[in-house]
Amino acid sequence: MIKTQETKITCTWDEEADCMNCTIKGELDCKWNRSLLIRFYKGGSLAMISGGMGLLLVGLLVSWLPIIIYAVFWIFFFGFFEIRVLCSHCPYYAEEGRTLHCLANHGTIKLWNYHPEPMKIWEILGFLGGALFFVVFPVIAELWGVYQLWIAAPEINLIILVLGVLIVLSTLGGGLFFVFLRKNICSTCVNFSCPLNSVPKHLVDAYLKKNLIMREAWL
């Protein structure tokens, strides 16, 4: 059974925090806001839609194995692994209750205790490897689908062309999503130990000074 976390572990979930007079007000996304969640999914929409369509087309025309592999890894990664190695270190995870309310993995069940300390190297490598899988695997599956279709029936050029377009869109979408994250999400995110986080050090220090449990774990 997960221990109940105190709301005041971080000022992110402290309803009595004096946010109006905070010295870094507006500099960090340190309070839950639905519009920030929508912004996150909008940024990744091209990669998710094109990759999903490509996998579905490969499943319909060639084999369902790639989409099965993708779905199984999706459940494992977002439901169990990422929430441990990445999310459990985030101040948003310190909220009371069993459901995570945050700016990306909103609605995930919290299976682990809150870890205020920075991510360990194995956690960083595991997170980066999983994230890379979601970008690369749809492209590889689509390329494999094109190859299988070409071998079986090279005359069906239209379907191969459609898959080719989805390959380009999946690759482009993954790259644009990374740029979007670094510029619009990671630069204001309070999960400072994430390897993609780009919050300036003076803001990190200012936030940690207001959150003593997290600061002690970092020091």
N, C-alpha and C. Protein backbone atom coordinates (compact mmCIF):
# COMPACT_ATOMS: atom_id res chain seq x y z
N MET A 1 0.84 -1.20 0.00
CA MET A 1 0.00 0.00 0.00
C MET A 1 0.88 1.25 0.00
N ILE A 2 0.55 2.18 -0.87
CA ILE A 2 1.34 3.41 -0.96
C ILE A 2 1.03 4.32 0.21
N LYS A 3 2.05 4.88 0.82
CA LYS A 3 1.85 5.82 1.91
C LYS A 3 1.24 7.11 1.39
N THR A 4 0.31 7.66 2.14
CA THR A 4 -0.30 8.93 1.75
C THR A 4 0.72 10.06 1.86
N GLN A 5 0.84 10.85 0.78
CA GLN A 5 1.78 11.95 0.79
C GLN A 5 1.14 13.20 1.35
N GLU A 6 1.87 13.95 2.12
CA GLU A 6 1.36 15.20 2.66
C GLU A 6 1.30 16.25 1.56
N THR A 7 0.18 16.99 1.53
CA THR A 7 -0.01 18.01 0.50
C THR A 7 1.13 19.01 0.50
N LYS A 8 1.67 19.35 1.67
CA LYS A 8 2.67 20.41 1.77
C LYS A 8 4.08 19.92 1.53
N ILE A 9 4.24 18.71 1.02
CA ILE A 9 5.57 18.25 0.63
C ILE A 9 6.14 19.21 -0.40
N THR A 10 5.30 19.69 -1.30
CA THR A 10 5.72 20.69 -2.28
C THR A 10 4.67 21.79 -2.34
N CYS A 11 5.12 23.00 -2.67
CA CYS A 11 4.17 24.11 -2.77
C CYS A 11 3.27 23.96 -3.99
N THR A 12 3.62 23.04 -4.89
CA THR A 12 2.78 22.78 -6.06
C THR A 12 1.38 22.37 -5.65
N TRP A 13 1.27 21.59 -4.56
CA TRP A 13 -0.05 21.15 -4.09
C TRP A 13 -0.44 21.79 -2.75
N ASP A 14 0.26 22.83 -2.36
CA ASP A 14 -0.06 23.52 -1.11
C ASP A 14 -1.06 24.64 -1.40
N GLU A 15 -2.30 24.44 -0.97
CA GLU A 15 -3.35 25.43 -1.23
C GLU A 15 -3.12 26.73 -0.45
N GLU A 16 -2.27 26.68 0.58
CA GLU A 16 -2.00 27.88 1.38
C GLU A 16 -0.75 28.62 0.92
N ALA A 17 -0.11 28.12 -0.13
CA ALA A 17 1.12 28.77 -0.64
C ALA A 17 0.79 30.16 -1.17
N ASP A 18 1.67 31.10 -0.88
CA ASP A 18 1.47 32.49 -1.29
C ASP A 18 2.00 32.68 -2.72
N CYS A 19 1.25 32.14 -3.68
CA CYS A 19 1.70 32.18 -5.08
C CYS A 19 1.68 33.60 -5.65
N MET A 20 0.76 34.42 -5.17
CA MET A 20 0.64 35.78 -5.71
C MET A 20 1.91 36.60 -5.48
N ASN A 21 2.60 36.34 -4.36
CA ASN A 21 3.81 37.09 -4.04
C ASN A 21 5.09 36.28 -4.25
N CYS A 22 4.96 35.18 -4.97
CA CYS A 22 6.12 34.32 -5.23
C CYS A 22 7.11 35.05 -6.14
N THR A 23 8.39 34.95 -5.82
CA THR A 23 9.43 35.64 -6.59
C THR A 23 9.62 35.06 -7.98
N ILE A 24 9.14 33.82 -8.20
CA ILE A 24 9.29 33.21 -9.52
C ILE A 24 7.92 32.94 -10.14
N LYS A 25 6.94 33.71 -9.74
CA LYS A 25 5.59 33.56 -10.29
C LYS A 25 5.62 33.72 -11.82
N GLY A 26 5.00 32.76 -12.52
CA GLY A 26 4.93 32.82 -13.97
C GLY A 26 6.15 32.27 -14.69
N GLU A 27 7.20 31.93 -13.92
CA GLU A 27 8.43 31.42 -14.53
C GLU A 27 8.40 29.90 -14.73
N LEU A 28 7.62 29.20 -13.89
CA LEU A 28 7.55 27.74 -13.95
C LEU A 28 6.09 27.29 -14.02
N ASP A 29 5.89 26.12 -14.62
CA ASP A 29 4.56 25.51 -14.64
C ASP A 29 4.41 24.66 -13.38
N CYS A 30 4.30 25.33 -12.25
CA CYS A 30 4.32 24.63 -10.96
C CYS A 30 2.94 24.41 -10.37
N LYS A 31 1.88 24.80 -11.08
CA LYS A 31 0.52 24.58 -10.63
C LYS A 31 -0.28 23.91 -11.74
N TRP A 32 -1.17 23.00 -11.36
CA TRP A 32 -1.97 22.26 -12.33
C TRP A 32 -2.84 23.21 -13.15
N ASN A 33 -2.81 23.02 -14.47
CA ASN A 33 -3.60 23.83 -15.39
C ASN A 33 -3.95 22.97 -16.60
N ARG A 34 -5.24 22.78 -16.84
CA ARG A 34 -5.68 21.91 -17.93
C ARG A 34 -5.17 22.38 -19.29
N SER A 35 -5.04 23.69 -19.46
CA SER A 35 -4.57 24.21 -20.75
C SER A 35 -3.15 23.76 -21.05
N LEU A 36 -2.34 23.56 -20.01
CA LEU A 36 -0.98 23.08 -20.22
C LEU A 36 -0.97 21.63 -20.71
N LEU A 37 -1.91 20.83 -20.20
CA LEU A 37 -2.03 19.44 -20.65
C LEU A 37 -2.45 19.40 -22.12
N ILE A 38 -3.40 20.24 -22.49
CA ILE A 38 -3.86 20.32 -23.88
C ILE A 38 -2.71 20.75 -24.79
N ARG A 39 -1.91 21.70 -24.31
CA ARG A 39 -0.76 22.18 -25.08
C ARG A 39 0.22 21.05 -25.34
N PHE A 40 0.45 20.20 -24.34
CA PHE A 40 1.37 19.09 -24.48
C PHE A 40 0.92 18.13 -25.58
N TYR A 41 -0.37 17.76 -25.57
CA TYR A 41 -0.87 16.82 -26.55
C TYR A 41 -0.97 17.43 -27.94
N LYS A 42 -1.22 18.72 -28.02
CA LYS A 42 -1.20 19.38 -29.32
C LYS A 42 0.19 19.31 -29.94
N GLY A 43 1.21 19.51 -29.11
CA GLY A 43 2.58 19.47 -29.61
C GLY A 43 2.98 18.12 -30.16
N GLY A 44 2.42 17.05 -29.60
CA GLY A 44 2.77 15.70 -30.06
C GLY A 44 1.76 15.09 -31.01
N SER A 45 0.75 15.87 -31.42
CA SER A 45 -0.35 15.33 -32.21
C SER A 45 0.09 14.79 -33.58
N LEU A 46 0.99 15.49 -34.27
CA LEU A 46 1.42 15.03 -35.59
C LEU A 46 2.12 13.68 -35.51
N ALA A 47 3.03 13.53 -34.55
CA ALA A 47 3.75 12.27 -34.39
C ALA A 47 2.80 11.14 -33.99
N MET A 48 1.88 11.41 -33.07
CA MET A 48 0.97 10.38 -32.59
C MET A 48 -0.03 9.95 -33.66
N ILE A 49 -0.58 10.91 -34.38
CA ILE A 49 -1.59 10.58 -35.39
C ILE A 49 -0.97 9.87 -36.59
N SER A 50 0.13 10.41 -37.12
CA SER A 50 0.77 9.79 -38.28
C SER A 50 1.34 8.42 -37.94
N GLY A 51 1.96 8.30 -36.76
CA GLY A 51 2.50 7.01 -36.34
C GLY A 51 1.40 5.98 -36.13
N GLY A 52 0.30 6.41 -35.51
CA GLY A 52 -0.82 5.51 -35.27
C GLY A 52 -1.47 5.05 -36.57
N MET A 53 -1.64 5.98 -37.51
CA MET A 53 -2.23 5.62 -38.81
C MET A 53 -1.33 4.67 -39.57
N GLY A 54 -0.02 4.90 -39.50
CA GLY A 54 0.92 4.02 -40.17
C GLY A 54 0.88 2.61 -39.62
N LEU A 55 0.87 2.49 -38.29
CA LEU A 55 0.80 1.17 -37.66
C LEU A 55 -0.51 0.46 -38.00
N LEU A 56 -1.59 1.22 -38.02
CA LEU A 56 -2.89 0.64 -38.34
C LEU A 56 -2.92 0.13 -39.78
N LEU A 57 -2.35 0.92 -40.70
CA LEU A 57 -2.33 0.51 -42.10
C LEU A 57 -1.47 -0.74 -42.29
N VAL A 58 -0.33 -0.78 -41.63
CA VAL A 58 0.52 -1.98 -41.70
C VAL A 58 -0.24 -3.18 -41.14
N GLY A 59 -0.98 -2.97 -40.04
CA GLY A 59 -1.75 -4.05 -39.46
C GLY A 59 -2.82 -4.58 -40.40
N LEU A 60 -3.52 -3.68 -41.07
CA LEU A 60 -4.60 -4.08 -41.98
C LEU A 60 -4.08 -4.79 -43.22
N LEU A 61 -2.91 -4.37 -43.72
CA LEU A 61 -2.42 -4.87 -45.01
C LEU A 61 -1.34 -5.93 -44.90
N VAL A 62 -0.58 -5.94 -43.80
CA VAL A 62 0.56 -6.85 -43.70
C VAL A 62 0.47 -7.75 -42.48
N SER A 63 0.57 -7.17 -41.29
CA SER A 63 0.56 -7.96 -40.05
C SER A 63 0.20 -7.08 -38.87
N TRP A 64 -0.50 -7.66 -37.90
CA TRP A 64 -0.86 -6.92 -36.68
C TRP A 64 0.24 -6.97 -35.63
N LEU A 65 1.31 -7.72 -35.91
CA LEU A 65 2.37 -7.87 -34.91
C LEU A 65 2.98 -6.54 -34.47
N PRO A 66 3.32 -5.61 -35.40
CA PRO A 66 3.91 -4.35 -34.95
C PRO A 66 3.00 -3.56 -34.00
N ILE A 67 1.71 -3.50 -34.30
CA ILE A 67 0.81 -2.72 -33.46
C ILE A 67 0.59 -3.41 -32.11
N ILE A 68 0.67 -4.74 -32.10
CA ILE A 68 0.56 -5.47 -30.83
C ILE A 68 1.78 -5.17 -29.95
N ILE A 69 2.98 -5.23 -30.56
CA ILE A 69 4.20 -4.91 -29.83
C ILE A 69 4.14 -3.49 -29.28
N TYR A 70 3.70 -2.57 -30.11
CA TYR A 70 3.62 -1.16 -29.72
C TYR A 70 2.63 -0.97 -28.57
N ALA A 71 1.48 -1.61 -28.66
CA ALA A 71 0.45 -1.47 -27.63
C ALA A 71 0.91 -2.05 -26.30
N VAL A 72 1.55 -3.22 -26.34
CA VAL A 72 2.04 -3.86 -25.11
C VAL A 72 3.09 -2.98 -24.45
N PHE A 73 4.02 -2.45 -25.26
CA PHE A 73 5.07 -1.60 -24.69
C PHE A 73 4.48 -0.29 -24.17
N TRP A 74 3.48 0.23 -24.86
CA TRP A 74 2.80 1.46 -24.41
C TRP A 74 2.23 1.26 -23.01
N ILE A 75 1.52 0.16 -22.79
CA ILE A 75 0.91 -0.12 -21.49
C ILE A 75 1.99 -0.28 -20.42
N PHE A 76 3.04 -1.06 -20.75
CA PHE A 76 4.12 -1.27 -19.79
C PHE A 76 4.84 0.03 -19.44
N PHE A 77 5.18 0.80 -20.48
CA PHE A 77 5.99 1.99 -20.26
C PHE A 77 5.22 3.07 -19.51
N PHE A 78 4.06 3.46 -20.02
CA PHE A 78 3.32 4.56 -19.41
C PHE A 78 2.56 4.14 -18.15
N GLY A 79 2.18 2.87 -18.08
CA GLY A 79 1.43 2.43 -16.92
C GLY A 79 2.27 2.01 -15.73
N PHE A 80 3.52 1.56 -15.99
CA PHE A 80 4.34 1.02 -14.92
C PHE A 80 5.74 1.65 -14.84
N PHE A 81 6.46 1.64 -15.97
CA PHE A 81 7.88 1.98 -15.94
C PHE A 81 8.15 3.48 -15.85
N GLU A 82 7.60 4.25 -16.79
CA GLU A 82 7.90 5.69 -16.81
C GLU A 82 7.42 6.38 -15.54
N ILE A 83 6.27 5.94 -15.02
CA ILE A 83 5.74 6.60 -13.83
C ILE A 83 6.65 6.36 -12.62
N ARG A 84 7.46 5.29 -12.67
CA ARG A 84 8.43 5.05 -11.61
C ARG A 84 9.72 5.82 -11.83
N VAL A 85 10.30 5.70 -13.03
CA VAL A 85 11.63 6.27 -13.25
C VAL A 85 11.60 7.78 -13.46
N LEU A 86 10.48 8.33 -13.95
CA LEU A 86 10.40 9.76 -14.23
C LEU A 86 9.38 10.47 -13.34
N CYS A 87 8.13 10.03 -13.44
CA CYS A 87 7.04 10.76 -12.78
C CYS A 87 7.15 10.79 -11.26
N SER A 88 7.64 9.70 -10.66
CA SER A 88 7.70 9.65 -9.20
C SER A 88 8.68 10.66 -8.61
N HIS A 89 9.52 11.27 -9.43
CA HIS A 89 10.46 12.29 -8.97
C HIS A 89 9.89 13.70 -9.13
N CYS A 90 8.72 13.81 -9.70
CA CYS A 90 8.14 15.12 -10.01
C CYS A 90 7.28 15.63 -8.85
N PRO A 91 7.33 16.94 -8.56
CA PRO A 91 6.48 17.50 -7.49
C PRO A 91 4.99 17.24 -7.68
N TYR A 92 4.54 17.11 -8.91
CA TYR A 92 3.13 16.82 -9.16
C TYR A 92 2.72 15.47 -8.58
N TYR A 93 3.69 14.56 -8.46
CA TYR A 93 3.43 13.22 -7.96
C TYR A 93 3.16 13.22 -6.45
N ALA A 94 3.52 14.32 -5.77
CA ALA A 94 3.37 14.39 -4.31
C ALA A 94 1.93 14.66 -3.86
N GLU A 95 1.03 14.87 -4.80
CA GLU A 95 -0.37 15.11 -4.45
C GLU A 95 -0.97 13.90 -3.74
N GLU A 96 -1.88 14.14 -2.82
CA GLU A 96 -2.59 13.05 -2.16
C GLU A 96 -3.44 12.31 -3.18
N GLY A 97 -3.66 11.01 -2.93
CA GLY A 97 -4.51 10.22 -3.81
C GLY A 97 -3.73 9.29 -4.70
N ARG A 98 -4.44 8.45 -5.41
CA ARG A 98 -3.82 7.41 -6.23
C ARG A 98 -3.73 7.77 -7.71
N THR A 99 -4.30 8.92 -8.11
CA THR A 99 -4.29 9.31 -9.52
C THR A 99 -3.39 10.51 -9.73
N LEU A 100 -2.54 10.43 -10.75
CA LEU A 100 -1.61 11.51 -11.06
C LEU A 100 -2.31 12.61 -11.86
N HIS A 101 -2.19 13.84 -11.39
CA HIS A 101 -2.69 15.00 -12.12
C HIS A 101 -1.48 15.85 -12.48
N CYS A 102 -1.14 15.89 -13.76
CA CYS A 102 0.05 16.61 -14.18
C CYS A 102 -0.13 17.16 -15.58
N LEU A 103 0.97 17.60 -16.19
CA LEU A 103 0.92 18.28 -17.47
C LEU A 103 1.23 17.37 -18.65
N ALA A 104 1.38 16.06 -18.40
CA ALA A 104 1.69 15.12 -19.49
C ALA A 104 1.00 13.77 -19.28
N ASN A 105 1.34 13.05 -18.20
CA ASN A 105 0.77 11.73 -17.96
C ASN A 105 -0.46 11.79 -17.06
N HIS A 106 -1.30 12.75 -17.29
CA HIS A 106 -2.50 12.99 -16.49
C HIS A 106 -3.41 11.77 -16.47
N GLY A 107 -3.86 11.39 -15.28
CA GLY A 107 -4.80 10.29 -15.15
C GLY A 107 -4.17 8.94 -14.87
N THR A 108 -2.83 8.86 -14.88
CA THR A 108 -2.14 7.60 -14.61
C THR A 108 -2.28 7.21 -13.14
N ILE A 109 -2.43 5.93 -12.88
CA ILE A 109 -2.52 5.44 -11.50
C ILE A 109 -1.13 5.44 -10.87
N LYS A 110 -1.02 6.01 -9.67
CA LYS A 110 0.27 6.09 -8.97
C LYS A 110 0.54 4.78 -8.22
N LEU A 111 1.42 3.97 -8.76
CA LEU A 111 1.74 2.67 -8.17
C LEU A 111 2.93 2.73 -7.23
N TRP A 112 3.65 3.85 -7.24
CA TRP A 112 4.90 3.95 -6.49
C TRP A 112 4.84 5.13 -5.52
N ASN A 113 5.73 5.12 -4.55
CA ASN A 113 5.85 6.25 -3.63
C ASN A 113 6.52 7.43 -4.32
N TYR A 114 6.32 8.61 -3.78
CA TYR A 114 6.96 9.83 -4.28
C TYR A 114 8.45 9.80 -3.95
N HIS A 115 9.29 10.14 -4.91
CA HIS A 115 10.75 10.17 -4.72
C HIS A 115 11.24 11.60 -4.99
N PRO A 116 11.45 12.40 -3.95
CA PRO A 116 11.85 13.79 -4.15
C PRO A 116 13.28 13.96 -4.66
N GLU A 117 14.08 12.90 -4.57
CA GLU A 117 15.48 12.99 -5.00
C GLU A 117 15.58 12.95 -6.52
N PRO A 118 16.72 13.38 -7.09
CA PRO A 118 16.91 13.35 -8.55
C PRO A 118 16.89 11.92 -9.10
N MET A 119 16.64 11.81 -10.39
CA MET A 119 16.67 10.51 -11.05
C MET A 119 18.07 9.92 -11.02
N LYS A 120 18.16 8.60 -10.90
CA LYS A 120 19.43 7.89 -10.98
C LYS A 120 19.75 7.62 -12.45
N ILE A 121 20.99 7.25 -12.71
CA ILE A 121 21.44 7.07 -14.08
C ILE A 121 20.64 5.98 -14.79
N TRP A 122 20.31 4.89 -14.10
CA TRP A 122 19.55 3.82 -14.75
C TRP A 122 18.15 4.27 -15.09
N GLU A 123 17.62 5.16 -14.28
CA GLU A 123 16.29 5.70 -14.56
C GLU A 123 16.32 6.62 -15.78
N ILE A 124 17.36 7.43 -15.87
CA ILE A 124 17.52 8.33 -17.02
C ILE A 124 17.66 7.54 -18.31
N LEU A 125 18.52 6.52 -18.28
CA LEU A 125 18.74 5.71 -19.48
C LEU A 125 17.48 4.94 -19.87
N GLY A 126 16.76 4.43 -18.87
CA GLY A 126 15.53 3.71 -19.15
C GLY A 126 14.46 4.60 -19.76
N PHE A 127 14.34 5.80 -19.23
CA PHE A 127 13.37 6.75 -19.77
C PHE A 127 13.72 7.16 -21.20
N LEU A 128 14.99 7.49 -21.45
CA LEU A 128 15.40 7.90 -22.79
C LEU A 128 15.23 6.77 -23.81
N GLY A 129 15.54 5.55 -23.38
CA GLY A 129 15.37 4.41 -24.27
C GLY A 129 13.91 4.18 -24.64
N GLY A 130 13.04 4.30 -23.65
CA GLY A 130 11.62 4.13 -23.91
C GLY A 130 11.07 5.23 -24.79
N ALA A 131 11.47 6.46 -24.53
CA ALA A 131 11.00 7.59 -25.34
C ALA A 131 11.46 7.44 -26.79
N LEU A 132 12.70 6.98 -26.97
CA LEU A 132 13.22 6.78 -28.32
C LEU A 132 12.45 5.68 -29.05
N PHE A 133 12.04 4.67 -28.32
CA PHE A 133 11.26 3.58 -28.93
C PHE A 133 9.98 4.11 -29.56
N PHE A 134 9.29 5.02 -28.87
CA PHE A 134 8.02 5.52 -29.38
C PHE A 134 8.18 6.40 -30.61
N VAL A 135 9.36 6.96 -30.79
CA VAL A 135 9.63 7.76 -31.98
C VAL A 135 10.08 6.89 -33.15
N VAL A 136 10.95 5.93 -32.86
CA VAL A 136 11.60 5.15 -33.91
C VAL A 136 10.76 3.96 -34.37
N PHE A 137 10.09 3.28 -33.43
CA PHE A 137 9.40 2.03 -33.78
C PHE A 137 8.34 2.21 -34.86
N PRO A 138 7.45 3.23 -34.78
CA PRO A 138 6.46 3.39 -35.86
C PRO A 138 7.10 3.56 -37.23
N VAL A 139 8.20 4.29 -37.30
CA VAL A 139 8.90 4.50 -38.58
C VAL A 139 9.46 3.19 -39.10
N ILE A 140 10.09 2.41 -38.21
CA ILE A 140 10.64 1.10 -38.62
C ILE A 140 9.52 0.17 -39.08
N ALA A 141 8.40 0.16 -38.35
CA ALA A 141 7.26 -0.69 -38.72
C ALA A 141 6.69 -0.29 -40.07
N GLU A 142 6.62 1.01 -40.32
CA GLU A 142 6.10 1.49 -41.61
C GLU A 142 7.05 1.14 -42.75
N LEU A 143 8.34 1.27 -42.52
CA LEU A 143 9.33 0.88 -43.54
C LEU A 143 9.25 -0.62 -43.83
N TRP A 144 9.08 -1.40 -42.79
CA TRP A 144 8.92 -2.85 -42.95
C TRP A 144 7.66 -3.15 -43.74
N GLY A 145 6.58 -2.41 -43.44
CA GLY A 145 5.33 -2.60 -44.18
C GLY A 145 5.49 -2.28 -45.65
N VAL A 146 6.20 -1.20 -45.97
CA VAL A 146 6.46 -0.84 -47.37
C VAL A 146 7.23 -1.95 -48.07
N TYR A 147 8.25 -2.47 -47.39
CA TYR A 147 9.06 -3.55 -47.97
C TYR A 147 8.22 -4.78 -48.24
N GLN A 148 7.37 -5.19 -47.28
CA GLN A 148 6.53 -6.37 -47.45
C GLN A 148 5.53 -6.18 -48.58
N LEU A 149 4.94 -5.01 -48.67
CA LEU A 149 3.98 -4.74 -49.74
C LEU A 149 4.66 -4.73 -51.10
N TRP A 150 5.86 -4.17 -51.16
CA TRP A 150 6.60 -4.10 -52.42
C TRP A 150 6.97 -5.50 -52.91
N ILE A 151 7.38 -6.36 -51.98
CA ILE A 151 7.73 -7.74 -52.33
C ILE A 151 6.50 -8.50 -52.80
N ALA A 152 5.38 -8.32 -52.10
CA ALA A 152 4.17 -9.08 -52.41
C ALA A 152 3.48 -8.59 -53.68
N ALA A 153 3.39 -7.26 -53.82
CA ALA A 153 2.66 -6.71 -54.97
C ALA A 153 3.18 -5.32 -55.28
N PRO A 154 4.28 -5.21 -56.01
CA PRO A 154 4.88 -3.90 -56.30
C PRO A 154 4.00 -2.97 -57.11
N GLU A 155 2.91 -3.49 -57.69
CA GLU A 155 2.05 -2.65 -58.52
C GLU A 155 1.10 -1.78 -57.70
N ILE A 156 0.95 -2.06 -56.39
CA ILE A 156 0.02 -1.25 -55.57
C ILE A 156 0.74 0.01 -55.08
N ASN A 157 1.06 0.86 -56.01
CA ASN A 157 1.88 2.03 -55.72
C ASN A 157 1.19 3.04 -54.81
N LEU A 158 -0.14 3.15 -54.90
CA LEU A 158 -0.85 4.15 -54.11
C LEU A 158 -0.71 3.88 -52.62
N ILE A 159 -0.89 2.62 -52.22
CA ILE A 159 -0.78 2.28 -50.80
C ILE A 159 0.65 2.48 -50.31
N ILE A 160 1.60 2.09 -51.15
CA ILE A 160 3.01 2.29 -50.79
C ILE A 160 3.31 3.78 -50.65
N LEU A 161 2.72 4.59 -51.54
CA LEU A 161 2.92 6.04 -51.48
C LEU A 161 2.33 6.61 -50.19
N VAL A 162 1.14 6.13 -49.81
CA VAL A 162 0.51 6.59 -48.57
C VAL A 162 1.39 6.27 -47.37
N LEU A 163 1.90 5.05 -47.33
CA LEU A 163 2.79 4.67 -46.24
C LEU A 163 4.07 5.51 -46.25
N GLY A 164 4.56 5.82 -47.44
CA GLY A 164 5.75 6.66 -47.55
C GLY A 164 5.51 8.04 -46.97
N VAL A 165 4.34 8.60 -47.24
CA VAL A 165 3.98 9.91 -46.69
C VAL A 165 3.89 9.83 -45.16
N LEU A 166 3.30 8.75 -44.65
CA LEU A 166 3.18 8.58 -43.20
C LEU A 166 4.55 8.42 -42.54
N ILE A 167 5.49 7.78 -43.26
CA ILE A 167 6.86 7.65 -42.74
C ILE A 167 7.48 9.03 -42.57
N VAL A 168 7.32 9.87 -43.59
CA VAL A 168 7.87 11.23 -43.53
C VAL A 168 7.22 12.02 -42.40
N LEU A 169 5.89 11.92 -42.29
CA LEU A 169 5.17 12.66 -41.26
C LEU A 169 5.52 12.17 -39.86
N SER A 170 5.69 10.85 -39.70
CA SER A 170 6.06 10.29 -38.39
C SER A 170 7.44 10.79 -37.97
N THR A 171 8.38 10.77 -38.92
CA THR A 171 9.74 11.24 -38.63
C THR A 171 9.75 12.73 -38.32
N LEU A 172 9.06 13.50 -39.16
CA LEU A 172 8.98 14.95 -38.95
C LEU A 172 8.27 15.27 -37.65
N GLY A 173 7.17 14.56 -37.38
CA GLY A 173 6.41 14.80 -36.15
C GLY A 173 7.23 14.53 -34.90
N GLY A 174 8.04 13.45 -34.92
CA GLY A 174 8.89 13.14 -33.78
C GLY A 174 9.92 14.22 -33.53
N GLY A 175 10.53 14.71 -34.61
CA GLY A 175 11.52 15.78 -34.48
C GLY A 175 10.91 17.08 -33.99
N LEU A 176 9.75 17.44 -34.54
CA LEU A 176 9.07 18.67 -34.13
C LEU A 176 8.60 18.59 -32.68
N PHE A 177 8.17 17.40 -32.27
CA PHE A 177 7.72 17.23 -30.88
C PHE A 177 8.87 17.43 -29.91
N PHE A 178 10.05 16.93 -30.27
CA PHE A 178 11.23 17.12 -29.43
C PHE A 178 11.56 18.60 -29.30
N VAL A 179 11.56 19.31 -30.43
CA VAL A 179 11.84 20.75 -30.42
C VAL A 179 10.79 21.48 -29.60
N PHE A 180 9.53 21.09 -29.79
CA PHE A 180 8.43 21.71 -29.04
C PHE A 180 8.60 21.51 -27.54
N LEU A 181 8.95 20.28 -27.14
CA LEU A 181 9.15 19.99 -25.72
C LEU A 181 10.25 20.85 -25.12
N ARG A 182 11.38 20.88 -25.79
CA ARG A 182 12.52 21.63 -25.26
C ARG A 182 12.22 23.12 -25.14
N LYS A 183 11.46 23.65 -26.08
CA LYS A 183 11.21 25.09 -26.11
C LYS A 183 10.03 25.50 -25.24
N ASN A 184 8.98 24.69 -25.21
CA ASN A 184 7.73 25.12 -24.58
C ASN A 184 7.34 24.37 -23.30
N ILE A 185 7.90 23.20 -23.08
CA ILE A 185 7.52 22.39 -21.91
C ILE A 185 8.69 22.25 -20.94
N CYS A 186 9.81 21.75 -21.44
CA CYS A 186 10.95 21.43 -20.57
C CYS A 186 11.59 22.67 -19.95
N SER A 187 11.41 23.82 -20.57
CA SER A 187 12.02 25.05 -20.05
C SER A 187 11.28 25.62 -18.85
N THR A 188 10.09 25.07 -18.54
CA THR A 188 9.31 25.56 -17.39
C THR A 188 8.82 24.43 -16.49
N CYS A 189 9.29 23.21 -16.74
CA CYS A 189 8.82 22.03 -16.01
C CYS A 189 9.54 21.89 -14.67
N VAL A 190 8.79 21.51 -13.62
CA VAL A 190 9.37 21.40 -12.28
C VAL A 190 9.95 20.01 -11.99
N ASN A 191 9.90 19.10 -12.96
CA ASN A 191 10.60 17.82 -12.79
C ASN A 191 12.04 18.03 -13.26
N PHE A 192 12.83 18.64 -12.39
CA PHE A 192 14.16 19.13 -12.77
C PHE A 192 15.16 18.04 -13.13
N SER A 193 14.97 16.81 -12.63
CA SER A 193 15.96 15.77 -12.89
C SER A 193 15.72 15.06 -14.21
N CYS A 194 14.62 15.36 -14.89
CA CYS A 194 14.37 14.78 -16.21
C CYS A 194 15.52 15.18 -17.14
N PRO A 195 16.06 14.25 -17.93
CA PRO A 195 17.20 14.58 -18.80
C PRO A 195 16.86 15.61 -19.88
N LEU A 196 15.57 15.85 -20.14
CA LEU A 196 15.18 16.84 -21.13
C LEU A 196 14.93 18.21 -20.51
N ASN A 197 14.94 18.28 -19.18
CA ASN A 197 14.62 19.53 -18.50
C ASN A 197 15.66 20.61 -18.80
N SER A 198 15.18 21.82 -19.09
CA SER A 198 16.10 22.92 -19.44
C SER A 198 15.81 24.19 -18.64
N VAL A 199 15.25 24.02 -17.43
CA VAL A 199 14.99 25.16 -16.57
C VAL A 199 16.32 25.75 -16.08
N PRO A 200 16.50 27.07 -16.16
CA PRO A 200 17.75 27.70 -15.69
C PRO A 200 18.00 27.40 -14.21
N LYS A 201 19.28 27.30 -13.85
CA LYS A 201 19.66 26.91 -12.49
C LYS A 201 19.10 27.86 -11.42
N HIS A 202 19.04 29.15 -11.70
CA HIS A 202 18.56 30.08 -10.68
C HIS A 202 17.08 29.85 -10.35
N LEU A 203 16.31 29.37 -11.33
CA LEU A 203 14.90 29.06 -11.07
C LEU A 203 14.77 27.74 -10.32
N VAL A 204 15.64 26.78 -10.66
CA VAL A 204 15.67 25.51 -9.92
C VAL A 204 15.97 25.78 -8.45
N ASP A 205 16.99 26.57 -8.19
CA ASP A 205 17.37 26.89 -6.81
C ASP A 205 16.25 27.62 -6.07
N ALA A 206 15.59 28.54 -6.76
CA ALA A 206 14.52 29.31 -6.13
C ALA A 206 13.35 28.41 -5.76
N TYR A 207 13.02 27.46 -6.63
CA TYR A 207 11.92 26.53 -6.33
C TYR A 207 12.29 25.60 -5.19
N LEU A 208 13.52 25.08 -5.20
CA LEU A 208 13.95 24.16 -4.14
C LEU A 208 13.96 24.84 -2.77
N LYS A 209 14.27 26.14 -2.73
CA LYS A 209 14.26 26.86 -1.46
C LYS A 209 12.86 26.94 -0.86
N LYS A 210 11.85 26.84 -1.70
CA LYS A 210 10.47 26.90 -1.24
C LYS A 210 9.92 25.50 -0.92
N ASN A 211 10.70 24.46 -1.22
CA ASN A 211 10.25 23.08 -1.03
C ASN A 211 11.35 22.30 -0.34
N LEU A 212 11.34 22.35 1.00
CA LEU A 212 12.47 21.89 1.79
C LEU A 212 12.70 20.39 1.70
N ILE A 213 11.64 19.59 1.64
CA ILE A 213 11.83 18.13 1.54
C ILE A 213 12.54 17.77 0.25
N MET A 214 12.11 18.39 -0.81
CA MET A 214 12.74 18.16 -2.12
C MET A 214 14.18 18.69 -2.10
N ARG A 215 14.38 19.83 -1.49
CA ARG A 215 15.71 20.44 -1.44
C ARG A 215 16.68 19.56 -0.65
N GLU A 216 16.22 19.00 0.47
CA GLU A 216 17.07 18.11 1.27
C GLU A 216 17.48 16.88 0.45
N ALA A 217 16.52 16.33 -0.30
CA ALA A 217 16.81 15.14 -1.10
C ALA A 217 17.81 15.46 -2.20
N TRP A 218 17.74 16.66 -2.74
CA TRP A 218 18.67 17.06 -3.80
C TRP A 218 20.06 17.35 -3.27
N LEU A 219 20.13 17.92 -2.06
CA LEU A 219 21.43 18.23 -1.46
C LEU A 219 22.11 16.99 -0.89
